[in-house]
Amino acid sequence: LEKCKAEAKDHASSFTILSESKVLVDDELAETKEYLEKQLMIVSQVRDELAKSKAEVDALNAEHESMSMRLGDASDDHASTLISVKAEKACLETELAALKEKMEMSSELKVLVDDELAETKDYLEKQLMIVSEVRDQLEKRK
């Protein structure tokens, strides 16, 4: 009887430890889920920003092409008009270069976020394996 009581006490102690481990793992999974949701929001914001930047670049490219055609059609007797168009073209090219740089930075940020999400996914998969192992052990001890 004493031996049975000792074994029961050992099982209860093991079960308590496993239950506490499960709580810790569940807490960690909840925190990781919250972190992933925040990362997904960031990715969504970056994608929105990229879409806006692309639209701006496309609009500037269309405007740039339009200006280029107007420049080609301009005649020598409109020299003052050509000078102002060239100045406007230079401004647009500067804006276009700035937008292209912004798009590159956004793309780099997207790569970083995607890398972080991949690492977090790997981590979560490992945590889920641990939870499964703990549950299997709990069921075996029942």
C-alpha atoms as a PDB file:
ATOM      1  CA  LEU A   1       0.000   0.000   0.000  1.00  0.00           C
ATOM      2  CA  GLU A   2       2.847   2.372   0.855  1.00  0.00           C
ATOM      3  CA  LYS A   3       4.507   1.549  -2.436  1.00  0.00           C
ATOM      4  CA  CYS A   4       1.285   2.347  -4.307  1.00  0.00           C
ATOM      5  CA  LYS A   5       0.944   5.622  -2.396  1.00  0.00           C
ATOM      6  CA  ALA A   6       4.525   6.549  -3.302  1.00  0.00           C
ATOM      7  CA  GLU A   7       3.923   5.736  -6.969  1.00  0.00           C
ATOM      8  CA  ALA A   8       0.681   7.680  -6.943  1.00  0.00           C
ATOM      9  CA  LYS A   9       2.508  10.641  -5.401  1.00  0.00           C
ATOM     10  CA  ASP A  10       5.240  10.372  -8.094  1.00  0.00           C
ATOM     11  CA  HIS A  11       2.597  10.230 -10.831  1.00  0.00           C
ATOM     12  CA  ALA A  12       0.790  13.209  -9.353  1.00  0.00           C
ATOM     13  CA  SER A  13       4.065  15.134  -9.183  1.00  0.00           C
ATOM     14  CA  SER A  14       4.882  14.237 -12.811  1.00  0.00           C
ATOM     15  CA  PHE A  15       1.385  15.185 -13.892  1.00  0.00           C
ATOM     16  CA  THR A  16       1.707  18.535 -12.104  1.00  0.00           C
ATOM     17  CA  ILE A  17       5.021  19.215 -13.837  1.00  0.00           C
ATOM     18  CA  LEU A  18       3.550  18.264 -17.205  1.00  0.00           C
ATOM     19  CA  SER A  19       0.491  20.428 -16.586  1.00  0.00           C
ATOM     20  CA  GLU A  20       2.713  23.379 -15.688  1.00  0.00           C
ATOM     21  CA  SER A  21       4.803  22.737 -18.814  1.00  0.00           C
ATOM     22  CA  LYS A  22       1.654  22.668 -20.917  1.00  0.00           C
ATOM     23  CA  VAL A  23       0.549  26.009 -19.449  1.00  0.00           C
ATOM     24  CA  LEU A  24       3.954  27.505 -20.245  1.00  0.00           C
ATOM     25  CA  VAL A  25       3.875  26.132 -23.780  1.00  0.00           C
ATOM     26  CA  ASP A  26       0.307  27.395 -24.276  1.00  0.00           C
ATOM     27  CA  ASP A  27       1.367  30.852 -23.024  1.00  0.00           C
ATOM     28  CA  GLU A  28       4.341  30.846 -25.378  1.00  0.00           C
ATOM     29  CA  LEU A  29       2.113  29.811 -28.280  1.00  0.00           C
ATOM     30  CA  ALA A  30      -0.338  32.612 -27.481  1.00  0.00           C
ATOM     31  CA  GLU A  31       2.493  35.159 -27.402  1.00  0.00           C
ATOM     32  CA  THR A  32       3.906  33.799 -30.640  1.00  0.00           C
ATOM     33  CA  LYS A  33       0.474  33.943 -32.281  1.00  0.00           C
ATOM     34  CA  GLU A  34       0.088  37.573 -31.196  1.00  0.00           C
ATOM     35  CA  TYR A  35       3.570  38.350 -32.535  1.00  0.00           C
ATOM     36  CA  LEU A  36       2.743  36.687 -35.863  1.00  0.00           C
ATOM     37  CA  GLU A  37      -0.487  38.636 -36.162  1.00  0.00           C
ATOM     38  CA  LYS A  38       1.467  41.864 -35.661  1.00  0.00           C
ATOM     39  CA  GLN A  39       4.020  40.748 -38.259  1.00  0.00           C
ATOM     40  CA  LEU A  40       1.200  39.978 -40.713  1.00  0.00           C
ATOM     41  CA  MET A  41      -0.205  43.460 -40.154  1.00  0.00           C
ATOM     42  CA  ILE A  42       3.225  44.906 -40.930  1.00  0.00           C
ATOM     43  CA  VAL A  43       3.457  42.803 -44.096  1.00  0.00           C
ATOM     44  CA  SER A  44       0.019  44.018 -45.127  1.00  0.00           C
ATOM     45  CA  GLN A  45       1.030  47.635 -44.522  1.00  0.00           C
ATOM     46  CA  VAL A  46       4.244  47.134 -46.500  1.00  0.00           C
ATOM     47  CA  ARG A  47       2.302  45.578 -49.366  1.00  0.00           C
ATOM     48  CA  ASP A  48      -0.148  48.498 -49.327  1.00  0.00           C
ATOM     49  CA  GLU A  49       2.772  50.932 -49.356  1.00  0.00           C
ATOM     50  CA  LEU A  50       4.381  49.032 -52.227  1.00  0.00           C
ATOM     51  CA  ALA A  51       1.129  49.169 -54.192  1.00  0.00           C
ATOM     52  CA  LYS A  52       0.870  52.925 -53.600  1.00  0.00           C
ATOM     53  CA  SER A  53       4.508  53.428 -54.581  1.00  0.00           C
ATOM     54  CA  LYS A  54       4.048  51.356 -57.736  1.00  0.00           C
ATOM     55  CA  ALA A  55       0.966  53.373 -58.694  1.00  0.00           C
ATOM     56  CA  GLU A  56       2.905  56.603 -58.164  1.00  0.00           C
ATOM     57  CA  VAL A  57       5.838  55.298 -60.217  1.00  0.00           C
ATOM     58  CA  ASP A  58       3.486  54.175 -63.003  1.00  0.00           C
ATOM     59  CA  ALA A  59       1.803  57.573 -63.034  1.00  0.00           C
ATOM     60  CA  LEU A  60       5.174  59.323 -63.131  1.00  0.00           C
ATOM     61  CA  ASN A  61       6.375  57.005 -65.898  1.00  0.00           C
ATOM     62  CA  ALA A  62       3.261  57.803 -67.945  1.00  0.00           C
ATOM     63  CA  GLU A  63       3.735  61.502 -67.321  1.00  0.00           C
ATOM     64  CA  HIS A  64       7.430  61.215 -68.154  1.00  0.00           C
ATOM     65  CA  GLU A  65       6.628  59.474 -71.429  1.00  0.00           C
ATOM     66  CA  SER A  66       4.023  62.097 -72.240  1.00  0.00           C
ATOM     67  CA  MET A  67       6.562  64.842 -71.581  1.00  0.00           C
ATOM     68  CA  SER A  68       9.146  63.084 -73.702  1.00  0.00           C
ATOM     69  CA  MET A  69       6.698  62.950 -76.616  1.00  0.00           C
ATOM     70  CA  ARG A  70       5.902  66.627 -76.167  1.00  0.00           C
ATOM     71  CA  LEU A  71       9.602  67.410 -76.132  1.00  0.00           C
ATOM     72  CA  GLY A  72      10.095  65.462 -79.358  1.00  0.00           C
ATOM     73  CA  ASP A  73       7.292  67.399 -81.043  1.00  0.00           C
ATOM     74  CA  ALA A  74       8.476  70.818 -79.879  1.00  0.00           C
ATOM     75  CA  SER A  75      10.066  73.017 -82.487  1.00  0.00           C
ATOM     76  CA  ASP A  76      13.163  75.205 -82.233  1.00  0.00           C
ATOM     77  CA  ASP A  77      11.097  78.410 -82.135  1.00  0.00           C
ATOM     78  CA  HIS A  78       9.615  77.343 -78.793  1.00  0.00           C
ATOM     79  CA  ALA A  79      12.926  77.384 -76.928  1.00  0.00           C
ATOM     80  CA  SER A  80      11.508  78.962 -73.770  1.00  0.00           C
ATOM     81  CA  THR A  81       8.780  76.323 -73.636  1.00  0.00           C
ATOM     82  CA  LEU A  82      11.382  73.604 -74.089  1.00  0.00           C
ATOM     83  CA  ILE A  83      13.449  74.969 -71.215  1.00  0.00           C
ATOM     84  CA  SER A  84      10.498  74.877 -68.807  1.00  0.00           C
ATOM     85  CA  VAL A  85       9.496  71.390 -70.002  1.00  0.00           C
ATOM     86  CA  LYS A  86      13.056  70.183 -69.495  1.00  0.00           C
ATOM     87  CA  ALA A  87      13.061  71.634 -65.994  1.00  0.00           C
ATOM     88  CA  GLU A  88       9.754  69.928 -65.252  1.00  0.00           C
ATOM     89  CA  LYS A  89      11.116  66.696 -66.721  1.00  0.00           C
ATOM     90  CA  ALA A  90      14.177  66.933 -64.459  1.00  0.00           C
ATOM     91  CA  CYS A  91      11.915  67.437 -61.440  1.00  0.00           C
ATOM     92  CA  LEU A  92       9.815  64.441 -62.438  1.00  0.00           C
ATOM     93  CA  GLU A  93      12.904  62.310 -62.962  1.00  0.00           C
ATOM     94  CA  THR A  94      14.127  63.289 -59.501  1.00  0.00           C
ATOM     95  CA  GLU A  95      10.744  62.366 -58.006  1.00  0.00           C
ATOM     96  CA  LEU A  96      10.747  59.109 -59.966  1.00  0.00           C
ATOM     97  CA  ALA A  97      14.215  58.227 -58.665  1.00  0.00           C
ATOM     98  CA  ALA A  98      13.064  58.951 -55.108  1.00  0.00           C
ATOM     99  CA  LEU A  99       9.981  56.757 -55.559  1.00  0.00           C
ATOM    100  CA  LYS A 100      12.073  53.948 -57.045  1.00  0.00           C
ATOM    101  CA  GLU A 101      14.387  54.147 -54.025  1.00  0.00           C
ATOM    102  CA  LYS A 102      11.348  54.042 -51.731  1.00  0.00           C
ATOM    103  CA  MET A 103      10.081  50.953 -53.576  1.00  0.00           C
ATOM    104  CA  GLU A 104      13.465  49.255 -53.170  1.00  0.00           C
ATOM    105  CA  MET A 105      13.457  50.013 -49.449  1.00  0.00           C
ATOM    106  CA  SER A 106       9.906  48.664 -49.172  1.00  0.00           C
ATOM    107  CA  SER A 107      10.979  45.512 -51.042  1.00  0.00           C
ATOM    108  CA  GLU A 108      13.907  45.042 -48.668  1.00  0.00           C
ATOM    109  CA  LEU A 109      11.581  45.473 -45.699  1.00  0.00           C
ATOM    110  CA  LYS A 110       9.210  42.887 -47.181  1.00  0.00           C
ATOM    111  CA  VAL A 111      12.102  40.418 -47.493  1.00  0.00           C
ATOM    112  CA  LEU A 112      13.046  41.012 -43.857  1.00  0.00           C
ATOM    113  CA  VAL A 113       9.452  40.537 -42.728  1.00  0.00           C
ATOM    114  CA  ASP A 114       9.111  37.360 -44.828  1.00  0.00           C
ATOM    115  CA  ASP A 115      12.331  36.004 -43.260  1.00  0.00           C
ATOM    116  CA  GLU A 116      11.036  36.810 -39.781  1.00  0.00           C
ATOM    117  CA  LEU A 117       7.730  35.094 -40.549  1.00  0.00           C
ATOM    118  CA  ALA A 118       9.540  31.984 -41.798  1.00  0.00           C
ATOM    119  CA  GLU A 119      11.628  31.827 -38.624  1.00  0.00           C
ATOM    120  CA  THR A 120       8.543  32.324 -36.470  1.00  0.00           C
ATOM    121  CA  LYS A 121       6.722  29.579 -38.382  1.00  0.00           C
ATOM    122  CA  ASP A 122       9.631  27.183 -37.758  1.00  0.00           C
ATOM    123  CA  TYR A 123       9.606  28.111 -34.083  1.00  0.00           C
ATOM    124  CA  LEU A 124       5.854  27.530 -33.829  1.00  0.00           C
ATOM    125  CA  GLU A 125       6.143  24.150 -35.495  1.00  0.00           C
ATOM    126  CA  LYS A 126       8.771  23.143 -32.935  1.00  0.00           C
ATOM    127  CA  GLN A 127       6.550  24.392 -30.109  1.00  0.00           C
ATOM    128  CA  LEU A 128       3.613  22.412 -31.487  1.00  0.00           C
ATOM    129  CA  MET A 129       5.783  19.284 -31.584  1.00  0.00           C
ATOM    130  CA  ILE A 130       6.662  19.838 -27.911  1.00  0.00           C
ATOM    131  CA  VAL A 131       2.985  20.276 -27.024  1.00  0.00           C
ATOM    132  CA  SER A 132       2.146  17.068 -28.887  1.00  0.00           C
ATOM    133  CA  GLU A 133       4.876  15.201 -27.057  1.00  0.00           C
ATOM    134  CA  VAL A 134       3.685  16.537 -23.686  1.00  0.00           C
ATOM    135  CA  ARG A 135       0.086  15.566 -24.483  1.00  0.00           C
ATOM    136  CA  ASP A 136       1.214  12.098 -25.578  1.00  0.00           C
ATOM    137  CA  GLN A 137       3.119  11.687 -22.321  1.00  0.00           C
ATOM    138  CA  LEU A 138       0.103  12.884 -20.337  1.00  0.00           C
ATOM    139  CA  GLU A 139      -2.154  10.416 -22.080  1.00  0.00           C
ATOM    140  CA  LYS A 140       0.320   7.591 -21.520  1.00  0.00           C
ATOM    141  CA  ARG A 141       0.413   8.367 -17.802  1.00  0.00           C
ATOM    142  CA  LYS A 142      -3.350   8.424 -17.492  1.00  0.00           C
END
